[in-house]
Protein backbone atom coordinates (compact mmCIF):
# COMPACT_ATOMS: atom_id res chain seq x y z
CA MET A 1 -25.25 24.73 46.30
CA SER A 2 -25.30 22.77 42.76
CA GLY A 3 -27.77 21.84 40.19
CA THR A 4 -28.94 22.11 36.97
CA ARG A 5 -30.05 25.59 35.81
CA ARG A 6 -33.47 25.51 34.42
CA PHE A 7 -34.19 29.29 34.02
CA PHE A 8 -31.03 31.01 34.28
CA GLY A 9 -28.41 31.25 31.68
CA THR A 10 -24.78 32.97 31.73
CA ASP A 11 -26.50 36.44 31.79
CA GLY A 12 -29.71 36.38 33.64
CA ILE A 13 -32.95 34.78 32.40
CA ARG A 14 -33.55 35.34 28.42
CA GLY A 15 -35.94 34.22 25.34
CA THR A 16 -38.52 35.00 22.86
CA ALA A 17 -41.00 37.33 24.45
CA ASN A 18 -44.39 35.79 25.54
CA THR A 19 -42.69 32.09 25.15
CA ALA A 20 -41.06 30.18 27.87
CA PRO A 21 -39.08 31.32 30.00
CA MET A 22 -39.81 34.86 28.81
CA THR A 23 -43.60 34.89 30.06
CA ALA A 24 -45.60 37.07 32.39
CA GLU A 25 -46.29 34.00 34.28
CA ILE A 26 -42.56 33.03 34.89
CA ALA A 27 -41.93 36.81 35.56
CA LEU A 28 -44.57 36.79 38.27
CA LYS A 29 -42.83 33.71 39.85
CA LEU A 30 -39.63 35.13 39.71
CA GLY A 31 -40.46 38.32 41.47
CA GLN A 32 -42.26 36.18 44.16
CA SER A 33 -39.48 33.95 44.74
CA ALA A 34 -36.44 36.45 44.04
CA GLY A 35 -38.49 38.84 46.78
CA LEU A 36 -38.49 36.01 49.24
CA CYS A 37 -34.93 35.18 48.81
CA PHE A 38 -33.55 38.83 49.54
CA THR A 39 -36.25 39.43 51.99
CA ARG A 40 -33.57 39.51 55.09
CA GLY A 41 -34.50 41.17 58.32
CA ALA A 42 -37.28 43.45 59.56
CA HIS A 43 -36.59 46.40 57.36
CA ARG A 44 -39.01 47.56 54.74
CA HIS A 45 -37.40 45.84 51.51
CA ARG A 46 -37.38 47.52 48.47
CA VAL A 47 -36.38 46.45 44.67
CA VAL A 48 -35.39 48.77 41.81
CA ILE A 49 -36.57 47.99 38.20
CA GLY A 50 -35.28 49.45 35.11
CA LYS A 51 -36.06 48.30 31.38
CA ASP A 52 -34.90 48.98 27.98
CA THR A 53 -37.40 49.94 25.18
CA ARG A 54 -38.69 46.72 23.84
CA LEU A 55 -42.46 46.14 23.71
CA SER A 56 -42.55 43.22 25.60
CA GLY A 57 -41.52 45.39 28.60
CA TYR A 58 -44.89 46.58 29.17
CA MET A 59 -45.61 42.48 29.75
CA ILE A 60 -42.72 41.69 32.02
CA GLU A 61 -42.70 44.63 34.26
CA PRO A 62 -46.03 44.70 35.42
CA ALA A 63 -45.80 40.72 35.93
CA LEU A 64 -42.45 41.48 38.17
CA VAL A 65 -44.13 43.93 40.06
CA ALA A 66 -47.14 41.93 41.04
CA GLY A 67 -44.59 39.30 42.14
CA PHE A 68 -42.41 41.76 44.31
CA ILE A 69 -45.37 43.29 45.94
CA GLY A 70 -46.80 39.76 46.57
CA ALA A 71 -43.43 39.22 48.40
CA GLY A 72 -43.81 42.08 50.57
CA MET A 73 -41.30 44.15 48.71
CA ASP A 74 -41.62 47.94 47.64
CA VAL A 75 -41.04 48.31 44.06
CA VAL A 76 -38.99 51.45 42.67
CA LEU A 77 -39.81 51.78 38.91
CA ALA A 78 -36.92 53.75 37.14
CA GLY A 79 -38.17 53.21 33.71
CA PRO A 80 -35.61 53.00 30.41
CA LEU A 81 -32.22 53.39 32.05
CA PRO A 82 -28.90 51.65 30.82
CA THR A 83 -28.02 48.18 33.07
CA PRO A 84 -25.38 49.94 34.93
CA GLY A 85 -27.75 52.68 35.56
CA VAL A 86 -29.81 50.07 37.57
CA ALA A 87 -26.68 48.61 39.41
CA MET A 88 -25.95 52.20 40.47
CA LEU A 89 -29.18 52.88 41.74
CA THR A 90 -29.66 49.56 43.53
CA ARG A 91 -26.53 50.68 45.66
CA SER A 92 -27.46 54.21 46.11
CA LEU A 93 -31.05 53.94 47.07
CA ARG A 94 -29.90 51.16 49.41
CA ALA A 95 -32.44 48.57 47.85
CA ASP A 96 -32.27 44.87 48.53
CA LEU A 97 -32.39 44.02 45.06
CA GLY A 98 -32.15 45.38 41.45
CA VAL A 99 -33.85 44.19 38.21
CA MET A 100 -33.07 44.88 34.56
CA ILE A 101 -35.47 44.07 31.90
CA SER A 102 -33.39 43.70 28.70
CA ALA A 103 -32.02 41.11 26.15
CA SER A 104 -29.02 43.56 25.34
CA HIS A 105 -27.94 43.52 21.88
CA ASN A 106 -30.70 40.72 20.63
CA PRO A 107 -33.71 41.82 18.65
CA TYR A 108 -36.97 43.25 19.95
CA GLU A 109 -38.50 40.04 19.75
CA ASP A 110 -36.45 38.75 22.70
CA ASN A 111 -36.29 40.11 26.09
CA GLY A 112 -34.52 39.22 29.18
CA ILE A 113 -34.42 39.63 33.20
CA LYS A 114 -30.97 40.39 35.00
CA LEU A 115 -30.67 40.68 38.73
CA PHE A 116 -28.28 42.38 41.04
CA GLY A 117 -27.78 42.08 44.77
CA PRO A 118 -27.58 44.95 47.14
CA ASP A 119 -23.93 45.56 46.24
CA GLY A 120 -24.94 46.37 42.72
CA PHE A 121 -23.19 42.92 41.29
CA LYS A 122 -24.94 40.43 39.43
CA LEU A 123 -26.16 37.31 41.48
CA SER A 124 -23.82 34.17 41.92
CA ASP A 125 -24.81 30.98 40.30
CA ASP A 126 -25.59 29.85 43.91
CA THR A 127 -28.11 32.32 44.61
CA GLU A 128 -29.87 32.10 40.82
CA LEU A 129 -29.98 28.26 41.86
CA GLU A 130 -31.80 29.03 45.28
CA ILE A 131 -34.35 31.40 43.40
CA GLU A 132 -35.03 28.69 40.89
CA ALA A 133 -35.64 26.34 43.71
CA LEU A 134 -38.08 28.54 45.16
CA MET A 135 -39.77 29.05 41.65
CA GLU A 136 -40.38 25.63 41.44
CA SER A 137 -41.90 25.24 44.87
CA ASP A 138 -45.42 26.01 46.10
CA LEU A 139 -45.15 29.71 47.65
CA SER A 140 -48.88 29.98 48.80
CA GLY A 141 -47.80 29.67 52.45
CA GLN A 142 -44.76 31.91 52.15
CA LEU A 143 -46.00 35.29 50.25
CA ALA A 144 -46.91 38.53 52.27
CA ALA A 145 -49.92 38.72 54.40
CA SER A 146 -52.54 41.26 52.98
CA ALA A 147 -51.43 43.97 55.62
CA LYS A 148 -47.70 43.47 54.72
CA LEU A 149 -48.06 43.63 50.83
CA GLY A 150 -45.61 46.22 49.08
CA ARG A 151 -46.23 49.44 47.06
CA ALA A 152 -44.97 50.57 43.81
CA SER A 153 -43.70 54.12 42.97
CA ARG A 154 -41.90 55.66 40.29
CA LEU A 155 -38.38 57.32 40.48
CA ASN A 156 -38.85 60.51 38.31
CA ASP A 157 -35.19 61.61 38.48
CA ALA A 158 -33.56 58.17 37.88
CA ALA A 159 -32.03 59.33 34.76
CA GLY A 160 -31.17 62.56 36.12
CA ARG A 161 -29.02 60.55 38.77
CA TYR A 162 -27.57 58.37 36.09
CA ILE A 163 -26.36 61.38 34.18
CA GLU A 164 -24.91 63.22 36.96
CA ALA A 165 -23.14 59.93 38.10
CA ALA A 166 -21.60 59.50 34.75
CA LYS A 167 -20.45 63.07 34.49
CA ALA A 168 -18.60 62.68 37.75
CA SER A 169 -16.76 60.09 36.22
CA PHE A 170 -15.11 62.28 33.60
CA PRO A 171 -11.94 64.20 34.77
CA ARG A 172 -12.33 67.44 36.57
CA GLY A 173 -11.44 70.62 34.38
CA LEU A 174 -12.04 68.85 31.04
CA ARG A 175 -14.68 69.51 28.55
CA LEU A 176 -15.96 68.37 25.28
CA ASP A 177 -16.57 71.87 23.88
CA GLY A 178 -15.66 71.68 20.11
CA LEU A 179 -16.09 68.09 19.72
CA ARG A 180 -18.57 66.81 17.23
CA ILE A 181 -19.83 63.20 18.24
CA VAL A 182 -21.95 61.01 16.46
CA LEU A 183 -23.77 58.80 19.06
CA ASP A 184 -25.85 55.69 18.19
CA CYS A 185 -27.91 54.69 20.97
CA ALA A 186 -29.31 51.57 19.26
CA ASN A 187 -33.06 52.87 20.05
CA GLY A 188 -32.34 51.32 23.30
CA ALA A 189 -32.11 51.99 27.07
CA GLY A 190 -29.39 54.71 26.78
CA TYR A 191 -31.36 56.92 24.21
CA LYS A 192 -32.33 59.77 26.63
CA VAL A 193 -29.32 59.70 29.25
CA ALA A 194 -26.45 59.18 26.51
CA PRO A 195 -26.91 62.04 24.51
CA ALA A 196 -27.38 64.25 28.01
CA VAL A 197 -24.36 63.24 29.37
CA LEU A 198 -22.15 64.24 26.11
CA TRP A 199 -24.28 67.65 25.38
CA GLU A 200 -23.86 68.68 29.27
CA LEU A 201 -20.36 68.25 28.87
CA GLY A 202 -20.10 70.68 26.09
CA ALA A 203 -20.30 68.15 23.00
CA GLU A 204 -22.17 68.91 19.53
CA VAL A 205 -23.94 65.50 19.55
CA ILE A 206 -25.41 64.12 16.32
CA GLU A 207 -27.86 61.40 17.65
CA LEU A 208 -28.96 58.13 15.87
CA GLY A 209 -30.92 55.38 17.00
CA ALA A 210 -32.69 57.74 19.61
CA LYS A 211 -36.37 57.32 18.73
CA PRO A 212 -37.40 54.03 19.88
CA ASP A 213 -40.79 52.46 19.08
CA GLY A 214 -40.76 49.26 20.69
CA PHE A 215 -39.62 47.24 17.76
CA ASN A 216 -36.64 49.11 16.58
CA ILE A 217 -34.01 48.44 19.23
CA ASN A 218 -30.42 47.01 17.53
CA ARG A 219 -32.47 47.36 14.20
CA GLY A 220 -29.72 48.18 11.80
CA CYS A 221 -28.05 50.52 14.42
CA GLY A 222 -26.22 49.89 17.27
CA SER A 223 -22.72 48.27 18.58
CA THR A 224 -23.66 45.30 16.81
CA VAL A 225 -23.90 47.00 13.26
CA PRO A 226 -21.11 49.36 13.39
CA SER A 227 -21.02 49.90 9.80
CA PHE A 228 -24.01 52.36 10.08
CA LEU A 229 -22.04 54.42 12.99
CA SER A 230 -18.88 54.30 10.62
CA ALA A 231 -20.82 55.84 7.46
CA GLU A 232 -22.38 58.29 9.56
CA VAL A 233 -19.34 59.48 11.11
CA VAL A 234 -17.80 60.26 7.71
CA LYS A 235 -20.99 61.64 6.48
CA ASN A 236 -21.42 64.20 9.16
CA GLY A 237 -17.53 65.17 9.22
CA ALA A 238 -17.58 64.11 13.24
CA HIS A 239 -14.21 63.91 15.13
CA ILE A 240 -15.48 60.52 16.59
CA GLY A 241 -18.23 58.01 16.81
CA LEU A 242 -19.78 56.14 19.50
CA ALA A 243 -22.22 53.09 19.10
CA LEU A 244 -24.07 51.58 22.31
CA ASP A 245 -26.23 48.46 22.58
CA GLY A 246 -29.40 47.80 23.63
CA ASP A 247 -29.01 48.17 27.25
CA ALA A 248 -25.95 50.46 26.87
CA ASP A 249 -23.29 48.32 28.78
CA ARG A 250 -21.45 48.08 25.35
CA LEU A 251 -19.24 50.49 23.44
CA ILE A 252 -17.73 50.45 20.16
CA VAL A 253 -16.07 53.41 18.77
CA ALA A 254 -15.42 54.81 15.15
CA ASP A 255 -12.43 57.11 14.39
CA GLU A 256 -12.93 60.17 12.26
CA THR A 257 -11.92 58.22 9.11
CA GLY A 258 -14.97 55.55 9.76
CA ALA A 259 -12.29 52.75 10.78
CA ILE A 260 -13.77 50.72 13.63
CA VAL A 261 -12.03 50.78 17.23
CA ASP A 262 -13.28 47.59 19.20
CA GLY A 263 -13.25 46.73 22.81
CA ASP A 264 -9.66 45.47 22.58
CA GLN A 265 -8.49 48.89 21.63
CA VAL A 266 -10.51 50.60 24.00
CA LEU A 267 -9.33 48.63 26.73
CA ALA A 268 -5.70 49.20 25.54
CA LEU A 269 -6.35 53.06 25.63
CA ILE A 270 -7.95 53.28 28.78
CA ALA A 271 -5.21 51.15 30.39
CA ARG A 272 -2.39 53.01 29.06
CA SER A 273 -3.87 56.50 30.27
CA TRP A 274 -4.69 54.89 33.84
CA HIS A 275 -1.08 53.45 33.73
CA GLN A 276 0.25 56.70 33.01
CA SER A 277 -1.66 58.79 35.52
CA GLY A 278 -0.96 56.11 38.36
CA LYS A 279 -4.85 55.06 38.28
CA LEU A 280 -4.61 51.59 37.22
CA ILE A 281 -4.83 48.84 40.13
CA GLY A 282 -3.46 45.51 40.22
CA GLY A 283 -0.52 45.76 37.46
CA GLY A 284 -2.64 44.47 34.66
CA VAL A 285 -6.12 44.29 32.82
CA VAL A 286 -8.70 41.49 32.76
CA ALA A 287 -10.19 40.26 29.63
CA THR A 288 -11.60 37.16 28.07
CA VAL A 289 -9.74 34.12 26.02
CA MET A 290 -11.14 36.13 22.68
CA SER A 291 -9.18 39.15 23.10
CA ASN A 292 -6.66 39.65 20.62
CA LEU A 293 -3.13 38.88 20.99
CA GLY A 294 -1.99 42.18 19.63
CA LEU A 295 -3.68 43.51 22.93
CA GLU A 296 -1.72 41.24 25.23
CA LYS A 297 1.54 42.07 23.62
CA PHE A 298 0.97 46.07 23.83
CA LEU A 299 -0.14 45.47 27.74
CA GLY A 300 3.39 43.69 27.84
CA SER A 301 5.23 46.86 26.49
CA LEU A 302 3.80 48.68 29.03
CA GLY A 303 4.93 46.43 31.98
CA LEU A 304 1.09 45.35 32.13
CA LYS A 305 -0.42 41.53 32.29
CA LEU A 306 -3.33 40.59 30.40
CA HIS A 307 -5.52 38.16 32.70
CA ARG A 308 -7.75 36.00 30.69
CA THR A 309 -11.30 34.63 31.74
CA ALA A 310 -14.11 32.49 29.72
CA VAL A 311 -16.36 34.42 27.54
CA GLY A 312 -18.80 36.69 29.48
CA ASP A 313 -18.26 39.78 31.38
CA ARG A 314 -19.82 38.20 34.56
CA TYR A 315 -16.52 36.13 34.71
CA VAL A 316 -14.47 39.38 33.79
CA VAL A 317 -15.90 40.89 36.97
CA GLU A 318 -15.66 38.05 39.00
CA LEU A 319 -11.56 37.84 38.25
CA MET A 320 -11.29 41.62 38.79
CA ARG A 321 -13.12 41.31 42.34
CA ALA A 322 -10.83 38.31 43.25
CA GLY A 323 -7.70 39.85 41.96
CA GLY A 324 -8.26 43.40 42.81
CA PHE A 325 -8.42 44.79 39.44
CA ASN A 326 -10.21 48.17 38.70
CA LEU A 327 -10.17 47.61 34.84
CA GLY A 328 -11.54 44.83 32.40
CA GLY A 329 -13.51 44.29 29.36
CA GLU A 330 -14.26 42.38 26.26
CA GLN A 331 -13.66 42.50 22.51
CA SER A 332 -17.45 43.18 22.00
CA GLY A 333 -17.29 46.16 23.68
CA HIS A 334 -18.09 45.57 27.33
CA MET A 335 -15.96 47.69 29.45
CA VAL A 336 -15.97 47.35 33.47
CA LEU A 337 -14.44 50.42 35.24
CA ALA A 338 -14.59 49.34 38.82
CA ASP A 339 -13.80 52.84 40.15
CA TYR A 340 -17.34 53.92 38.88
CA ALA A 341 -19.55 50.71 38.22
CA THR A 342 -20.10 47.34 39.28
CA THR A 343 -20.79 46.24 35.86
CA GLY A 344 -20.19 47.21 31.75
CA ASP A 345 -21.12 50.69 31.35
CA GLY A 346 -20.79 51.92 27.59
CA VAL A 347 -21.20 55.77 28.49
CA LEU A 348 -18.51 55.57 31.12
CA ALA A 349 -15.85 53.87 28.84
CA ALA A 350 -16.91 56.53 26.17
CA LEU A 351 -16.05 59.30 28.47
CA GLN A 352 -12.75 57.75 29.38
CA VAL A 353 -11.89 57.77 25.53
CA LEU A 354 -13.08 61.15 25.12
CA ALA A 355 -10.84 62.14 27.92
CA VAL A 356 -7.96 60.76 26.22
CA LEU A 357 -9.00 62.44 22.84
CA VAL A 358 -9.37 65.86 24.51
CA GLU A 359 -6.05 65.72 26.34
CA SER A 360 -3.88 64.38 23.66
CA GLY A 361 -5.51 67.01 21.13
CA GLU A 362 -4.79 64.51 18.29
CA PRO A 363 -7.37 62.93 15.79
CA ALA A 364 -9.10 59.86 17.07
CA SER A 365 -7.16 57.71 14.08
CA ARG A 366 -4.00 58.45 16.02
CA THR A 367 -5.36 58.00 19.49
CA CYS A 368 -7.74 55.40 19.35
CA GLN A 369 -5.69 52.78 17.00
CA MET A 370 -3.41 51.55 20.08
CA PHE A 371 -2.03 48.64 18.18
CA LYS A 372 -1.96 46.30 15.39
CA PRO A 373 -4.38 43.13 15.90
CA PHE A 374 -2.82 39.75 15.12
CA PRO A 375 -4.54 38.18 12.21
CA GLN A 376 -7.50 36.45 13.98
CA LYS A 377 -10.08 33.89 12.48
CA LEU A 378 -13.18 32.51 14.34
CA LYS A 379 -15.03 29.66 12.79
CA SER A 380 -18.02 27.50 14.07
CA VAL A 381 -18.92 23.83 13.10
CA ARG A 382 -22.24 22.51 14.11
CA TYR A 383 -22.48 19.15 15.60
CA HIS A 384 -25.27 16.79 16.99
CA ASP A 385 -24.48 13.74 19.04
CA GLY A 386 -21.00 12.46 20.43
CA ALA A 387 -18.04 14.38 21.08
CA PRO A 388 -15.85 15.26 18.25
CA LEU A 389 -13.28 17.01 19.89
CA GLU A 390 -12.55 13.83 22.01
CA ASP A 391 -11.76 11.99 18.76
CA ALA A 392 -7.98 10.78 18.36
CA GLU A 393 -7.53 11.94 14.73
CA VAL A 394 -8.89 15.78 15.87
CA GLN A 395 -6.75 15.68 19.10
CA ALA A 396 -3.80 14.94 16.79
CA ALA A 397 -4.67 17.52 14.34
CA ILE A 398 -4.75 20.22 17.24
CA ALA A 399 -1.68 19.12 18.52
CA GLU A 400 -0.19 19.45 15.02
CA ALA A 401 -1.64 23.00 14.55
CA GLU A 402 -0.35 24.19 18.04
CA ALA A 403 3.12 23.12 17.30
CA GLU A 404 2.92 24.76 13.78
CA LEU A 405 2.16 27.89 15.92
CA ASN A 406 5.23 27.35 18.17
CA GLY A 407 4.28 29.90 20.72
CA SER A 408 3.92 32.94 18.07
CA GLY A 409 0.14 32.61 18.08
CA ARG A 410 -2.73 31.19 19.57
CA LEU A 411 -5.38 28.42 19.19
CA LEU A 412 -8.95 28.17 21.07
CA ILE A 413 -11.40 25.48 20.58
CA ARG A 414 -14.57 25.37 22.64
CA LYS A 415 -17.95 24.13 22.53
CA SER A 416 -20.47 26.98 22.80
CA GLY A 417 -22.44 27.40 25.70
CA THR A 418 -25.69 28.29 24.26
CA GLU A 419 -25.94 26.43 20.87
CA PRO A 420 -24.57 23.08 19.26
CA VAL A 421 -21.66 24.54 17.71
CA ILE A 422 -17.90 24.13 18.21
CA ARG A 423 -15.69 27.41 17.78
CA VAL A 424 -12.34 27.25 16.42
CA MET A 425 -10.32 30.51 16.58
CA ALA A 426 -6.64 30.77 15.62
CA GLU A 427 -4.53 34.09 15.58
CA ALA A 428 -0.79 34.62 14.81
CA GLU A 429 1.34 37.24 12.99
CA ASP A 430 1.34 35.12 9.58
CA GLY A 431 -2.18 35.69 8.47
CA ALA A 432 -2.02 32.73 5.61
CA LEU A 433 -1.18 30.20 8.62
CA VAL A 434 -4.13 31.39 10.56
CA ASP A 435 -6.48 30.57 7.74
CA ARG A 436 -5.13 27.54 6.70
CA ILE A 437 -5.39 26.10 10.54
CA VAL A 438 -8.75 26.92 11.04
CA GLU A 439 -10.15 25.70 7.61
CA GLU A 440 -8.42 22.49 7.95
CA LEU A 441 -9.31 21.89 11.61
CA CYS A 442 -13.07 22.88 10.71
CA ALA A 443 -13.04 20.48 7.90
CA LEU A 444 -11.66 17.68 10.01
CA ILE A 445 -14.24 18.42 13.17
CA ALA A 446 -16.91 18.39 10.87
CA GLN A 447 -16.12 15.22 9.10
CA VAL A 448 -15.85 13.45 12.20
CA ALA A 449 -19.15 14.72 13.54
CA ALA A 450 -20.87 13.56 10.50
CA ARG A 451 -19.06 10.36 11.19
CA LEU A 452 -20.26 10.15 14.82
CA ARG A 453 -23.81 11.18 13.72
CA ASP A 454 -23.95 8.48 11.19
CA ASP A 455 -22.64 5.95 13.62
CA ALA A 456 -25.37 7.05 16.17
CA ALA A 457 -28.23 6.53 13.60
CA VAL A 458 -26.84 3.02 12.89
CA ALA A 459 -26.99 1.96 16.45
CA GLU A 460 -30.35 3.43 17.46
CA PRO A 461 -32.77 0.17 17.49
CA VAL A 462 -35.47 0.33 15.23
CA ALA A 463 -38.89 0.06 17.13
């Protein structure tokens, strides 16, 4: 099935709360349509719903519940729980569908809805289009009869189930005793479970961003504001700092000096650990086109290959499943550990980092900084109409820049999938060369984009 996506983006449905498409009306329609789409067979169908801590969750959740009940599905409410926890419960409860209400690292004003199939994986594009087609159709004759409406119940031990599953991923026989850890929960979905996991494994946990009020999710804290974590690690004399995002599927680390350890370094750390223990499957790791060339060189030194995908954790998971890999991730902090989870999980990734730290006995600054990143620069150019990248002068300049890099670096130029900008990224060992290439290309693209805009304005007929 193919077609234009009206509601679903690259990671579910997302938008400003109480404004289309993130309204109670659309959430109701989504619940009805997804419920009908996943009603397959004569068994009693059920859906698991989790959420983060945004105020608008109180609006979106009951609308979804009403939709699913109207489609004849029983609803299991898990309350605030990390996105990977919802995926895990969907499988362990043998549910037909899982739903996470979250806008991840976005501010509280936004919200989103992510759907998981019975296998715990995010839905395919075709299935999302099938649901959209139902949402735009007349469902009046397809919903459940009065006697076959669903029921809603709350799963009181949802957090406990996730905590135990997370602890089970930590190497047997290891403990976190003696470790002082600063943990920033971003006032989000992991605010209860993440501190509990670390404390129960023996750590001294200094909690940050663990007092959500509906408005403060990701505000000045979490994985997108790592400077807050760094300062608190140094201030508290901690051995390491860990920062999650709003739905706890990302991880950013700070070592004991406050230096940031991004997703590429975490991926390298886990890859080497698993490779040395014989646990790594597939002879390589999956990451996106944004991952640093230093990661690729480091993995190559271990005899491992880096396989790149488009930006987005769903594309990382797709390639992992297709190629039989059990480790993948993004520079932004999404870490997919396929032995334990079907989607990115910040808590599980943190436990793998901590396991290496405990086993090495070395400080985090020596353990977590795995390679020296190549100088990398990313800049965006806004454009309006036309296709500036197809301009002959731009194409010639790109070819010249690639020739200058001459295999010693990378040049990546792409249109954003979410806004009208062109992103220009270059990396190489020569930082000055990287700066010059990016600045010159951006200036030229901006110049061509302005010319195309002016040409379009001149060509527009006067009414």
